Amino acid sequence: MPYLSIQTNVLMDDVGQETLLRKASQTVASVLGKPESYVMINLDSGNTMLFAGSDAPLAYLQLKSLGLPEVQTSIFSQALCELMQTELGIDSGRVYIEFSGPERHMWGWNGGTF
């Protein structure tokens, strides 16, 4: 049920994309304490994006998960910013992260809802 969407202006080759997807999946599972078998990651790289008047490397992330603990968003932010720095060389000051925790009945899966 955790879903992470990554949008970035960094152009990546296939190997880099695969590496980031796998590391992002592991990171999300770890920080949320949920099985990786439920984690979905979307990566959209090489976008035309601007932040603070600059097209230097940047990323916009959306992390959605049922029961997302609001008191831990700073921990999640740190882990995801470190991932962006390590894998893409993006400074944490050029990363925005949107967190959301939808109600269980608003998240569908396998022909039903949670």
PDB file of N, CA and C in Angstrom:
ATOM      1  N   MET A   1       0.780  -1.197   0.000  1.00  0.00           N
ATOM      2  CA  MET A   1       0.000   0.000   0.000  1.00  0.00           C
ATOM      3  C   MET A   1       0.827   1.270   0.000  1.00  0.00           C
ATOM      4  N   PRO A   2       2.098   1.254   0.456  1.00  0.00           N
ATOM      5  CA  PRO A   2       2.901   2.466   0.302  1.00  0.00           C
ATOM      6  C   PRO A   2       3.195   2.726  -1.175  1.00  0.00           C
ATOM      7  N   TYR A   3       3.085   3.986  -1.555  1.00  0.00           N
ATOM      8  CA  TYR A   3       3.351   4.394  -2.930  1.00  0.00           C
ATOM      9  C   TYR A   3       4.276   5.606  -2.894  1.00  0.00           C
ATOM     10  N   LEU A   4       5.386   5.506  -3.620  1.00  0.00           N
ATOM     11  CA  LEU A   4       6.317   6.623  -3.746  1.00  0.00           C
ATOM     12  C   LEU A   4       6.432   6.993  -5.207  1.00  0.00           C
ATOM     13  N   SER A   5       6.177   8.249  -5.504  1.00  0.00           N
ATOM     14  CA  SER A   5       6.353   8.770  -6.850  1.00  0.00           C
ATOM     15  C   SER A   5       7.530   9.744  -6.828  1.00  0.00           C
ATOM     16  N   ILE A   6       8.445   9.561  -7.771  1.00  0.00           N
ATOM     17  CA  ILE A   6       9.626  10.424  -7.881  1.00  0.00           C
ATOM     18  C   ILE A   6       9.605  11.086  -9.244  1.00  0.00           C
ATOM     19  N   GLN A   7       9.597  12.407  -9.237  1.00  0.00           N
ATOM     20  CA  GLN A   7       9.735  13.177 -10.467  1.00  0.00           C
ATOM     21  C   GLN A   7      11.025  13.968 -10.359  1.00  0.00           C
ATOM     22  N   THR A   8      11.839  13.896 -11.390  1.00  0.00           N
ATOM     23  CA  THR A   8      13.111  14.603 -11.352  1.00  0.00           C
ATOM     24  C   THR A   8      13.505  15.074 -12.744  1.00  0.00           C
ATOM     25  N   ASN A   9      14.354  16.089 -12.768  1.00  0.00           N
ATOM     26  CA  ASN A   9      14.879  16.552 -14.048  1.00  0.00           C
ATOM     27  C   ASN A   9      16.188  15.855 -14.399  1.00  0.00           C
ATOM     28  N   VAL A  10      16.662  14.992 -13.539  1.00  0.00           N
ATOM     29  CA  VAL A  10      17.890  14.243 -13.802  1.00  0.00           C
ATOM     30  C   VAL A  10      17.598  13.162 -14.836  1.00  0.00           C
ATOM     31  N   LEU A  11      18.371  13.163 -15.906  1.00  0.00           N
ATOM     32  CA  LEU A  11      18.241  12.160 -16.956  1.00  0.00           C
ATOM     33  C   LEU A  11      19.020  10.922 -16.539  1.00  0.00           C
ATOM     34  N   MET A  12      18.369   9.779 -16.570  1.00  0.00           N
ATOM     35  CA  MET A  12      18.987   8.547 -16.094  1.00  0.00           C
ATOM     36  C   MET A  12      18.965   7.480 -17.182  1.00  0.00           C
ATOM     37  N   ASP A  13      19.998   6.647 -17.187  1.00  0.00           N
ATOM     38  CA  ASP A  13      19.983   5.508 -18.100  1.00  0.00           C
ATOM     39  C   ASP A  13      19.178   4.375 -17.457  1.00  0.00           C
ATOM     40  N   ASP A  14      18.969   3.297 -18.198  1.00  0.00           N
ATOM     41  CA  ASP A  14      18.141   2.190 -17.704  1.00  0.00           C
ATOM     42  C   ASP A  14      18.688   1.570 -16.424  1.00  0.00           C
ATOM     43  N   VAL A  15      19.999   1.422 -16.342  1.00  0.00           N
ATOM     44  CA  VAL A  15      20.615   0.824 -15.154  1.00  0.00           C
ATOM     45  C   VAL A  15      20.420   1.728 -13.943  1.00  0.00           C
ATOM     46  N   GLY A  16      20.599   3.029 -14.119  1.00  0.00           N
ATOM     47  CA  GLY A  16      20.394   3.980 -13.033  1.00  0.00           C
ATOM     48  C   GLY A  16      18.956   3.991 -12.545  1.00  0.00           C
ATOM     49  N   GLN A  17      18.018   3.901 -13.484  1.00  0.00           N
ATOM     50  CA  GLN A  17      16.607   3.865 -13.112  1.00  0.00           C
ATOM     51  C   GLN A  17      16.291   2.610 -12.308  1.00  0.00           C
ATOM     52  N   GLU A  18      16.773   1.479 -12.778  1.00  0.00           N
ATOM     53  CA  GLU A  18      16.526   0.214 -12.079  1.00  0.00           C
ATOM     54  C   GLU A  18      17.124   0.240 -10.674  1.00  0.00           C
ATOM     55  N   THR A  19      18.325   0.772 -10.561  1.00  0.00           N
ATOM     56  CA  THR A  19      18.983   0.865  -9.253  1.00  0.00           C
ATOM     57  C   THR A  19      18.184   1.749  -8.307  1.00  0.00           C
ATOM     58  N   LEU A  20      17.768   2.927  -8.786  1.00  0.00           N
ATOM     59  CA  LEU A  20      16.997   3.837  -7.943  1.00  0.00           C
ATOM     60  C   LEU A  20      15.659   3.218  -7.534  1.00  0.00           C
ATOM     61  N   LEU A  21      14.975   2.579  -8.464  1.00  0.00           N
ATOM     62  CA  LEU A  21      13.703   1.949  -8.142  1.00  0.00           C
ATOM     63  C   LEU A  21      13.860   0.920  -7.025  1.00  0.00           C
ATOM     64  N   ARG A  22      14.862   0.082  -7.129  1.00  0.00           N
ATOM     65  CA  ARG A  22      15.078  -0.961  -6.121  1.00  0.00           C
ATOM     66  C   ARG A  22      15.455  -0.361  -4.758  1.00  0.00           C
ATOM     67  N   LYS A  23      16.346   0.625  -4.774  1.00  0.00           N
ATOM     68  CA  LYS A  23      16.755   1.248  -3.508  1.00  0.00           C
ATOM     69  C   LYS A  23      15.609   2.038  -2.879  1.00  0.00           C
ATOM     70  N   ALA A  24      14.807   2.685  -3.706  1.00  0.00           N
ATOM     71  CA  ALA A  24      13.657   3.426  -3.192  1.00  0.00           C
ATOM     72  C   ALA A  24      12.652   2.470  -2.556  1.00  0.00           C
ATOM     73  N   SER A  25      12.414   1.345  -3.188  1.00  0.00           N
ATOM     74  CA  SER A  25      11.490   0.357  -2.652  1.00  0.00           C
ATOM     75  C   SER A  25      11.964  -0.155  -1.292  1.00  0.00           C
ATOM     76  N   GLN A  26      13.242  -0.457  -1.195  1.00  0.00           N
ATOM     77  CA  GLN A  26      13.817  -0.927   0.067  1.00  0.00           C
ATOM     78  C   GLN A  26      13.739   0.157   1.143  1.00  0.00           C
ATOM     79  N   THR A  27      14.025   1.394   0.758  1.00  0.00           N
ATOM     80  CA  THR A  27      13.994   2.516   1.706  1.00  0.00           C
ATOM     81  C   THR A  27      12.590   2.731   2.255  1.00  0.00           C
ATOM     82  N   VAL A  28      11.601   2.764   1.373  1.00  0.00           N
ATOM     83  CA  VAL A  28      10.216   2.986   1.801  1.00  0.00           C
ATOM     84  C   VAL A  28       9.761   1.874   2.738  1.00  0.00           C
ATOM     85  N   ALA A  29      10.041   0.641   2.375  1.00  0.00           N
ATOM     86  CA  ALA A  29       9.652  -0.484   3.236  1.00  0.00           C
ATOM     87  C   ALA A  29      10.313  -0.363   4.602  1.00  0.00           C
ATOM     88  N   SER A  30      11.569  -0.005   4.611  1.00  0.00           N
ATOM     89  CA  SER A  30      12.324   0.089   5.857  1.00  0.00           C
ATOM     90  C   SER A  30      11.807   1.204   6.762  1.00  0.00           C
ATOM     91  N   VAL A  31      11.653   2.408   6.211  1.00  0.00           N
ATOM     92  CA  VAL A  31      11.250   3.531   7.066  1.00  0.00           C
ATOM     93  C   VAL A  31       9.803   3.417   7.543  1.00  0.00           C
ATOM     94  N   LEU A  32       8.952   2.777   6.747  1.00  0.00           N
ATOM     95  CA  LEU A  32       7.553   2.626   7.143  1.00  0.00           C
ATOM     96  C   LEU A  32       7.315   1.349   7.948  1.00  0.00           C
ATOM     97  N   GLY A  33       8.300   0.458   7.944  1.00  0.00           N
ATOM     98  CA  GLY A  33       8.142  -0.797   8.664  1.00  0.00           C
ATOM     99  C   GLY A  33       7.081  -1.686   8.045  1.00  0.00           C
ATOM    100  N   LYS A  34       6.983  -1.651   6.716  1.00  0.00           N
ATOM    101  CA  LYS A  34       5.985  -2.453   5.999  1.00  0.00           C
ATOM    102  C   LYS A  34       6.699  -3.405   5.046  1.00  0.00           C
ATOM    103  N   PRO A  35       6.056  -4.515   4.700  1.00  0.00           N
ATOM    104  CA  PRO A  35       6.684  -5.458   3.778  1.00  0.00           C
ATOM    105  C   PRO A  35       6.918  -4.825   2.405  1.00  0.00           C
ATOM    106  N   GLU A  36       8.065  -5.095   1.837  1.00  0.00           N
ATOM    107  CA  GLU A  36       8.370  -4.546   0.516  1.00  0.00           C
ATOM    108  C   GLU A  36       7.399  -5.074  -0.536  1.00  0.00           C
ATOM    109  N   SER A  37       6.775  -6.200  -0.275  1.00  0.00           N
ATOM    110  CA  SER A  37       5.823  -6.783  -1.227  1.00  0.00           C
ATOM    111  C   SER A  37       4.601  -5.879  -1.461  1.00  0.00           C
ATOM    112  N   TYR A  38       4.376  -4.903  -0.586  1.00  0.00           N
ATOM    113  CA  TYR A  38       3.268  -3.963  -0.756  1.00  0.00           C
ATOM    114  C   TYR A  38       3.696  -2.631  -1.377  1.00  0.00           C
ATOM    115  N   VAL A  39       4.986  -2.392  -1.508  1.00  0.00           N
ATOM    116  CA  VAL A  39       5.506  -1.086  -1.936  1.00  0.00           C
ATOM    117  C   VAL A  39       5.458  -0.943  -3.456  1.00  0.00           C
ATOM    118  N   MET A  40       4.962   0.201  -3.914  1.00  0.00           N
ATOM    119  CA  MET A  40       4.967   0.544  -5.334  1.00  0.00           C
ATOM    120  C   MET A  40       5.762   1.834  -5.515  1.00  0.00           C
ATOM    121  N   ILE A  41       6.640   1.845  -6.517  1.00  0.00           N
ATOM    122  CA  ILE A  41       7.466   3.019  -6.811  1.00  0.00           C
ATOM    123  C   ILE A  41       7.237   3.440  -8.256  1.00  0.00           C
ATOM    124  N   ASN A  42       7.097   4.724  -8.466  1.00  0.00           N
ATOM    125  CA  ASN A  42       7.005   5.282  -9.807  1.00  0.00           C
ATOM    126  C   ASN A  42       8.156   6.263  -9.981  1.00  0.00           C
ATOM    127  N   LEU A  43       8.859   6.141 -11.087  1.00  0.00           N
ATOM    128  CA  LEU A  43       9.975   7.042 -11.379  1.00  0.00           C
ATOM    129  C   LEU A  43       9.741   7.718 -12.717  1.00  0.00           C
ATOM    130  N   ASP A  44       9.789   9.028 -12.694  1.00  0.00           N
ATOM    131  CA  ASP A  44       9.631   9.833 -13.899  1.00  0.00           C
ATOM    132  C   ASP A  44      10.848  10.750 -13.981  1.00  0.00           C
ATOM    133  N   SER A  45      11.833  10.353 -14.775  1.00  0.00           N
ATOM    134  CA  SER A  45      13.096  11.103 -14.834  1.00  0.00           C
ATOM    135  C   SER A  45      13.241  11.861 -16.146  1.00  0.00           C
ATOM    136  N   GLY A  46      14.174  12.792 -16.165  1.00  0.00           N
ATOM    137  CA  GLY A  46      14.461  13.566 -17.368  1.00  0.00           C
ATOM    138  C   GLY A  46      13.399  14.604 -17.696  1.00  0.00           C
ATOM    139  N   ASN A  47      12.615  15.015 -16.694  1.00  0.00           N
ATOM    140  CA  ASN A  47      11.564  16.006 -16.913  1.00  0.00           C
ATOM    141  C   ASN A  47      12.146  17.414 -17.046  1.00  0.00           C
ATOM    142  N   THR A  48      11.414  18.267 -17.724  1.00  0.00           N
ATOM    143  CA  THR A  48      11.743  19.679 -17.764  1.00  0.00           C
ATOM    144  C   THR A  48      11.150  20.298 -16.514  1.00  0.00           C
ATOM    145  N   MET A  49      12.017  20.687 -15.575  1.00  0.00           N
ATOM    146  CA  MET A  49      11.558  21.210 -14.285  1.00  0.00           C
ATOM    147  C   MET A  49      12.441  22.379 -13.865  1.00  0.00           C
ATOM    148  N   LEU A  50      11.870  23.272 -13.070  1.00  0.00           N
ATOM    149  CA  LEU A  50      12.568  24.439 -12.563  1.00  0.00           C
ATOM    150  C   LEU A  50      12.219  24.617 -11.093  1.00  0.00           C
ATOM    151  N   PHE A  51      13.212  24.922 -10.273  1.00  0.00           N
ATOM    152  CA  PHE A  51      12.978  25.167  -8.853  1.00  0.00           C
ATOM    153  C   PHE A  51      13.869  26.332  -8.442  1.00  0.00           C
ATOM    154  N   ALA A  52      13.285  27.334  -7.808  1.00  0.00           N
ATOM    155  CA  ALA A  52      14.000  28.525  -7.366  1.00  0.00           C
ATOM    156  C   ALA A  52      14.719  29.199  -8.538  1.00  0.00           C
ATOM    157  N   GLY A  53      14.073  29.183  -9.695  1.00  0.00           N
ATOM    158  CA  GLY A  53      14.622  29.837 -10.875  1.00  0.00           C
ATOM    159  C   GLY A  53      15.793  29.110 -11.513  1.00  0.00           C
ATOM    160  N   SER A  54      16.036  27.858 -11.117  1.00  0.00           N
ATOM    161  CA  SER A  54      17.190  27.100 -11.614  1.00  0.00           C
ATOM    162  C   SER A  54      16.760  25.711 -12.076  1.00  0.00           C
ATOM    163  N   ASP A  55      17.422  25.246 -13.139  1.00  0.00           N
ATOM    164  CA  ASP A  55      17.157  23.892 -13.605  1.00  0.00           C
ATOM    165  C   ASP A  55      18.231  22.909 -13.109  1.00  0.00           C
ATOM    166  N   ALA A  56      18.958  23.291 -12.057  1.00  0.00           N
ATOM    167  CA  ALA A  56      19.912  22.372 -11.431  1.00  0.00           C
ATOM    168  C   ALA A  56      19.137  21.146 -10.952  1.00  0.00           C
ATOM    169  N   PRO A  57      19.816  20.019 -10.735  1.00  0.00           N
ATOM    170  CA  PRO A  57      19.118  18.797 -10.325  1.00  0.00           C
ATOM    171  C   PRO A  57      18.139  19.022  -9.171  1.00  0.00           C
ATOM    172  N   LEU A  58      16.928  18.481  -9.335  1.00  0.00           N
ATOM    173  CA  LEU A  58      15.864  18.634  -8.349  1.00  0.00           C
ATOM    174  C   LEU A  58      14.943  17.432  -8.400  1.00  0.00           C
ATOM    175  N   ALA A  59      14.123  17.303  -7.367  1.00  0.00           N
ATOM    176  CA  ALA A  59      13.145  16.212  -7.337  1.00  0.00           C
ATOM    177  C   ALA A  59      11.919  16.618  -6.547  1.00  0.00           C
ATOM    178  N   TYR A  60      10.786  16.087  -6.980  1.00  0.00           N
ATOM    179  CA  TYR A  60       9.517  16.218  -6.267  1.00  0.00           C
ATOM    180  C   TYR A  60       9.033  14.802  -5.993  1.00  0.00           C
ATOM    181  N   LEU A  61       8.811  14.497  -4.719  1.00  0.00           N
ATOM    182  CA  LEU A  61       8.392  13.165  -4.314  1.00  0.00           C
ATOM    183  C   LEU A  61       7.028  13.218  -3.645  1.00  0.00           C
ATOM    184  N   GLN A  62       6.254  12.173  -3.839  1.00  0.00           N
ATOM    185  CA  GLN A  62       4.984  11.998  -3.148  1.00  0.00           C
ATOM    186  C   GLN A  62       5.028  10.636  -2.469  1.00  0.00           C
ATOM    187  N   LEU A  63       4.866  10.623  -1.153  1.00  0.00           N
ATOM    188  CA  LEU A  63       4.808   9.379  -0.404  1.00  0.00           C
ATOM    189  C   LEU A  63       3.414   9.244   0.180  1.00  0.00           C
ATOM    190  N   LYS A  64       2.715   8.191  -0.228  1.00  0.00           N
ATOM    191  CA  LYS A  64       1.363   7.923   0.263  1.00  0.00           C
ATOM    192  C   LYS A  64       1.368   6.551   0.920  1.00  0.00           C
ATOM    193  N   SER A  65       0.710   6.465   2.066  1.00  0.00           N
ATOM    194  CA  SER A  65       0.626   5.182   2.748  1.00  0.00           C
ATOM    195  C   SER A  65      -0.520   5.208   3.750  1.00  0.00           C
ATOM    196  N   LEU A  66      -1.216   4.096   3.850  1.00  0.00           N
ATOM    197  CA  LEU A  66      -2.252   3.966   4.862  1.00  0.00           C
ATOM    198  C   LEU A  66      -1.598   4.054   6.232  1.00  0.00           C
ATOM    199  N   GLY A  67      -2.208   4.803   7.118  1.00  0.00           N
ATOM    200  CA  GLY A  67      -1.683   4.917   8.473  1.00  0.00           C
ATOM    201  C   GLY A  67      -0.352   5.633   8.565  1.00  0.00           C
ATOM    202  N   LEU A  68      -0.069   6.521   7.630  1.00  0.00           N
ATOM    203  CA  LEU A  68       1.202   7.257   7.643  1.00  0.00           C
ATOM    204  C   LEU A  68       1.301   8.084   8.923  1.00  0.00           C
ATOM    205  N   PRO A  69       2.263   7.780   9.779  1.00  0.00           N
ATOM    206  CA  PRO A  69       2.369   8.516  11.044  1.00  0.00           C
ATOM    207  C   PRO A  69       2.950   9.923  10.830  1.00  0.00           C
ATOM    208  N   GLU A  70       2.113  10.919  11.045  1.00  0.00           N
ATOM    209  CA  GLU A  70       2.519  12.309  10.812  1.00  0.00           C
ATOM    210  C   GLU A  70       3.710  12.721  11.661  1.00  0.00           C
ATOM    211  N   VAL A  71       3.845  12.155  12.838  1.00  0.00           N
ATOM    212  CA  VAL A  71       4.953  12.535  13.723  1.00  0.00           C
ATOM    213  C   VAL A  71       6.303  12.041  13.211  1.00  0.00           C
ATOM    214  N   GLN A  72       6.302  11.177  12.193  1.00  0.00           N
ATOM    215  CA  GLN A  72       7.554  10.643  11.670  1.00  0.00           C
ATOM    216  C   GLN A  72       7.916  11.177  10.286  1.00  0.00           C
ATOM    217  N   THR A  73       7.162  12.160   9.784  1.00  0.00           N
ATOM    218  CA  THR A  73       7.452  12.647   8.439  1.00  0.00           C
ATOM    219  C   THR A  73       8.851  13.245   8.315  1.00  0.00           C
ATOM    220  N   SER A  74       9.377  13.818   9.381  1.00  0.00           N
ATOM    221  CA  SER A  74      10.744  14.363   9.295  1.00  0.00           C
ATOM    222  C   SER A  74      11.758  13.230   9.126  1.00  0.00           C
ATOM    223  N   ILE A  75      11.504  12.083   9.738  1.00  0.00           N
ATOM    224  CA  ILE A  75      12.383  10.923   9.563  1.00  0.00           C
ATOM    225  C   ILE A  75      12.296  10.419   8.124  1.00  0.00           C
ATOM    226  N   PHE A  76      11.079  10.351   7.595  1.00  0.00           N
ATOM    227  CA  PHE A  76      10.892   9.918   6.213  1.00  0.00           C
ATOM    228  C   PHE A  76      11.569  10.892   5.253  1.00  0.00           C
ATOM    229  N   SER A  77      11.432  12.184   5.535  1.00  0.00           N
ATOM    230  CA  SER A  77      12.038  13.212   4.699  1.00  0.00           C
ATOM    231  C   SER A  77      13.555  13.055   4.663  1.00  0.00           C
ATOM    232  N   GLN A  78      14.150  12.834   5.815  1.00  0.00           N
ATOM    233  CA  GLN A  78      15.598  12.660   5.878  1.00  0.00           C
ATOM    234  C   GLN A  78      16.041  11.454   5.052  1.00  0.00           C
ATOM    235  N   ALA A  79      15.349  10.335   5.199  1.00  0.00           N
ATOM    236  CA  ALA A  79      15.721   9.118   4.472  1.00  0.00           C
ATOM    237  C   ALA A  79      15.569   9.290   2.963  1.00  0.00           C
ATOM    238  N   LEU A  80      14.488   9.923   2.539  1.00  0.00           N
ATOM    239  CA  LEU A  80      14.255  10.110   1.112  1.00  0.00           C
ATOM    240  C   LEU A  80      15.203  11.142   0.516  1.00  0.00           C
ATOM    241  N   CYS A  81      15.513  12.196   1.261  1.00  0.00           N
ATOM    242  CA  CYS A  81      16.482  13.183   0.777  1.00  0.00           C
ATOM    243  C   CYS A  81      17.878  12.567   0.656  1.00  0.00           C
ATOM    244  N   GLU A  82      18.238  11.711   1.614  1.00  0.00           N
ATOM    245  CA  GLU A  82      19.522  11.012   1.529  1.00  0.00           C
ATOM    246  C   GLU A  82      19.571  10.119   0.293  1.00  0.00           C
ATOM    247  N   LEU A  83      18.459   9.463  -0.004  1.00  0.00           N
ATOM    248  CA  LEU A  83      18.377   8.623  -1.196  1.00  0.00           C
ATOM    249  C   LEU A  83      18.586   9.466  -2.456  1.00  0.00           C
ATOM    250  N   MET A  84      17.945  10.630  -2.530  1.00  0.00           N
ATOM    251  CA  MET A  84      18.089  11.502  -3.698  1.00  0.00           C
ATOM    252  C   MET A  84      19.529  12.012  -3.833  1.00  0.00           C
ATOM    253  N   GLN A  85      20.151  12.328  -2.703  1.00  0.00           N
ATOM    254  CA  GLN A  85      21.545  12.792  -2.709  1.00  0.00           C
ATOM    255  C   GLN A  85      22.478  11.678  -3.168  1.00  0.00           C
ATOM    256  N   THR A  86      22.316  10.507  -2.586  1.00  0.00           N
ATOM    257  CA  THR A  86      23.205   9.384  -2.884  1.00  0.00           C
ATOM    258  C   THR A  86      23.068   8.904  -4.325  1.00  0.00           C
ATOM    259  N   GLU A  87      21.843   8.731  -4.769  1.00  0.00           N
ATOM    260  CA  GLU A  87      21.609   8.133  -6.084  1.00  0.00           C
ATOM    261  C   GLU A  87      21.619   9.132  -7.241  1.00  0.00           C
ATOM    262  N   LEU A  88      21.196  10.381  -6.979  1.00  0.00           N
ATOM    263  CA  LEU A  88      21.068  11.348  -8.069  1.00  0.00           C
ATOM    264  C   LEU A  88      21.912  12.602  -7.888  1.00  0.00           C
ATOM    265  N   GLY A  89      22.560  12.736  -6.731  1.00  0.00           N
ATOM    266  CA  GLY A  89      23.368  13.923  -6.483  1.00  0.00           C
ATOM    267  C   GLY A  89      22.538  15.179  -6.272  1.00  0.00           C
ATOM    268  N   ILE A  90      21.294  15.014  -5.820  1.00  0.00           N
ATOM    269  CA  ILE A  90      20.415  16.158  -5.614  1.00  0.00           C
ATOM    270  C   ILE A  90      20.519  16.619  -4.164  1.00  0.00           C
ATOM    271  N   ASP A  91      20.857  17.863  -3.973  1.00  0.00           N
ATOM    272  CA  ASP A  91      20.928  18.456  -2.642  1.00  0.00           C
ATOM    273  C   ASP A  91      19.538  18.446  -2.001  1.00  0.00           C
ATOM    274  N   SER A  92      19.481  18.189  -0.710  1.00  0.00           N
ATOM    275  CA  SER A  92      18.190  18.101  -0.021  1.00  0.00           C
ATOM    276  C   SER A  92      17.387  19.397  -0.088  1.00  0.00           C
ATOM    277  N   GLY A  93      18.056  20.510  -0.278  1.00  0.00           N
ATOM    278  CA  GLY A  93      17.374  21.788  -0.420  1.00  0.00           C
ATOM    279  C   GLY A  93      16.677  21.952  -1.758  1.00  0.00           C
ATOM    280  N   ARG A  94      16.829  20.961  -2.626  1.00  0.00           N
ATOM    281  CA  ARG A  94      16.179  20.995  -3.939  1.00  0.00           C
ATOM    282  C   ARG A  94      15.222  19.814  -4.098  1.00  0.00           C
ATOM    283  N   VAL A  95      14.715  19.360  -2.958  1.00  0.00           N
ATOM    284  CA  VAL A  95      13.759  18.247  -2.941  1.00  0.00           C
ATOM    285  C   VAL A  95      12.520  18.679  -2.157  1.00  0.00           C
ATOM    286  N   TYR A  96      11.378  18.551  -2.776  1.00  0.00           N
ATOM    287  CA  TYR A  96      10.099  18.715  -2.091  1.00  0.00           C
ATOM    288  C   TYR A  96       9.488  17.325  -1.939  1.00  0.00           C
ATOM    289  N   ILE A  97       8.860  17.095  -0.784  1.00  0.00           N
ATOM    290  CA  ILE A  97       8.195  15.814  -0.542  1.00  0.00           C
ATOM    291  C   ILE A  97       6.795  16.092  -0.015  1.00  0.00           C
ATOM    292  N   GLU A  98       5.817  15.495  -0.653  1.00  0.00           N
ATOM    293  CA  GLU A  98       4.429  15.592  -0.214  1.00  0.00           C
ATOM    294  C   GLU A  98       4.034  14.268   0.437  1.00  0.00           C
ATOM    295  N   PHE A  99       3.557  14.322   1.673  1.00  0.00           N
ATOM    296  CA  PHE A  99       3.135  13.137   2.403  1.00  0.00           C
ATOM    297  C   PHE A  99       1.621  13.098   2.478  1.00  0.00           C
ATOM    298  N   SER A 100       1.053  11.899   2.363  1.00  0.00           N
ATOM    299  CA  SER A 100      -0.384  11.763   2.579  1.00  0.00           C
ATOM    300  C   SER A 100      -0.700  10.370   3.094  1.00  0.00           C
ATOM    301  N   GLY A 101      -1.726  10.318   3.924  1.00  0.00           N
ATOM    302  CA  GLY A 101      -2.188   9.065   4.510  1.00  0.00           C
ATOM    303  C   GLY A 101      -3.682   8.918   4.298  1.00  0.00           C
ATOM    304  N   PRO A 102      -4.084   8.397   3.142  1.00  0.00           N
ATOM    305  CA  PRO A 102      -5.518   8.276   2.862  1.00  0.00           C
ATOM    306  C   PRO A 102      -6.211   7.293   3.809  1.00  0.00           C
ATOM    307  N   GLU A 103      -7.503   7.468   3.942  1.00  0.00           N
ATOM    308  CA  GLU A 103      -8.314   6.535   4.721  1.00  0.00           C
ATOM    309  C   GLU A 103      -8.306   5.176   4.021  1.00  0.00           C
ATOM    310  N   ARG A 104      -8.444   4.113   4.783  1.00  0.00           N
ATOM    311  CA  ARG A 104      -8.379   2.756   4.248  1.00  0.00           C
ATOM    312  C   ARG A 104      -9.410   2.520   3.134  1.00  0.00           C
ATOM    313  N   HIS A 105     -10.604   3.081   3.293  1.00  0.00           N
ATOM    314  CA  HIS A 105     -11.651   2.869   2.289  1.00  0.00           C
ATOM    315  C   HIS A 105     -11.395   3.658   1.003  1.00  0.00           C
ATOM    316  N   MET A 106     -10.389   4.538   1.036  1.00  0.00           N
ATOM    317  CA  MET A 106     -10.047   5.342  -0.141  1.00  0.00           C
ATOM    318  C   MET A 106      -8.845   4.760  -0.904  1.00  0.00           C
ATOM    319  N   TRP A 107      -8.435   3.546  -0.536  1.00  0.00           N
ATOM    320  CA  TRP A 107      -7.294   2.908  -1.184  1.00  0.00           C
ATOM    321  C   TRP A 107      -7.760   1.547  -1.692  1.00  0.00           C
ATOM    322  N   GLY A 108      -7.816   1.399  -3.001  1.00  0.00           N
ATOM    323  CA  GLY A 108      -8.279   0.151  -3.588  1.00  0.00           C
ATOM    324  C   GLY A 108      -7.137  -0.788  -3.925  1.00  0.00           C
ATOM    325  N   TRP A 109      -7.442  -2.074  -3.866  1.00  0.00           N
ATOM    326  CA  TRP A 109      -6.471  -3.113  -4.237  1.00  0.00           C
ATOM    327  C   TRP A 109      -7.201  -4.432  -4.406  1.00  0.00           C
ATOM    328  N   ASN A 110      -6.834  -5.168  -5.402  1.00  0.00           N
ATOM    329  CA  ASN A 110      -7.301  -6.533  -5.600  1.00  0.00           C
ATOM    330  C   ASN A 110      -8.829  -6.616  -5.653  1.00  0.00           C
ATOM    331  N   GLY A 111      -9.437  -5.647  -6.299  1.00  0.00           N
ATOM    332  CA  GLY A 111     -10.880  -5.646  -6.470  1.00  0.00           C
ATOM    333  C   GLY A 111     -11.663  -5.144  -5.275  1.00  0.00           C
ATOM    334  N   GLY A 112     -10.973  -4.640  -4.255  1.00  0.00           N
ATOM    335  CA  GLY A 112     -11.652  -4.140  -3.067  1.00  0.00           C
ATOM    336  C   GLY A 112     -10.894  -2.958  -2.504  1.00  0.00           C
ATOM    337  N   THR A 113     -11.052  -2.720  -1.227  1.00  0.00           N
ATOM    338  CA  THR A 113     -10.319  -1.668  -0.539  1.00  0.00           C
ATOM    339  C   THR A 113      -9.698  -2.261   0.720  1.00  0.00           C
ATOM    340  N   PHE A 114      -8.821  -1.494   1.337  1.00  0.00           N
ATOM    341  CA  PHE A 114      -8.188  -1.944   2.577  1.00  0.00           C
ATOM    342  C   PHE A 114      -9.081  -1.646   3.760  1.00  0.00           C
TER     343      PHE A 114
END
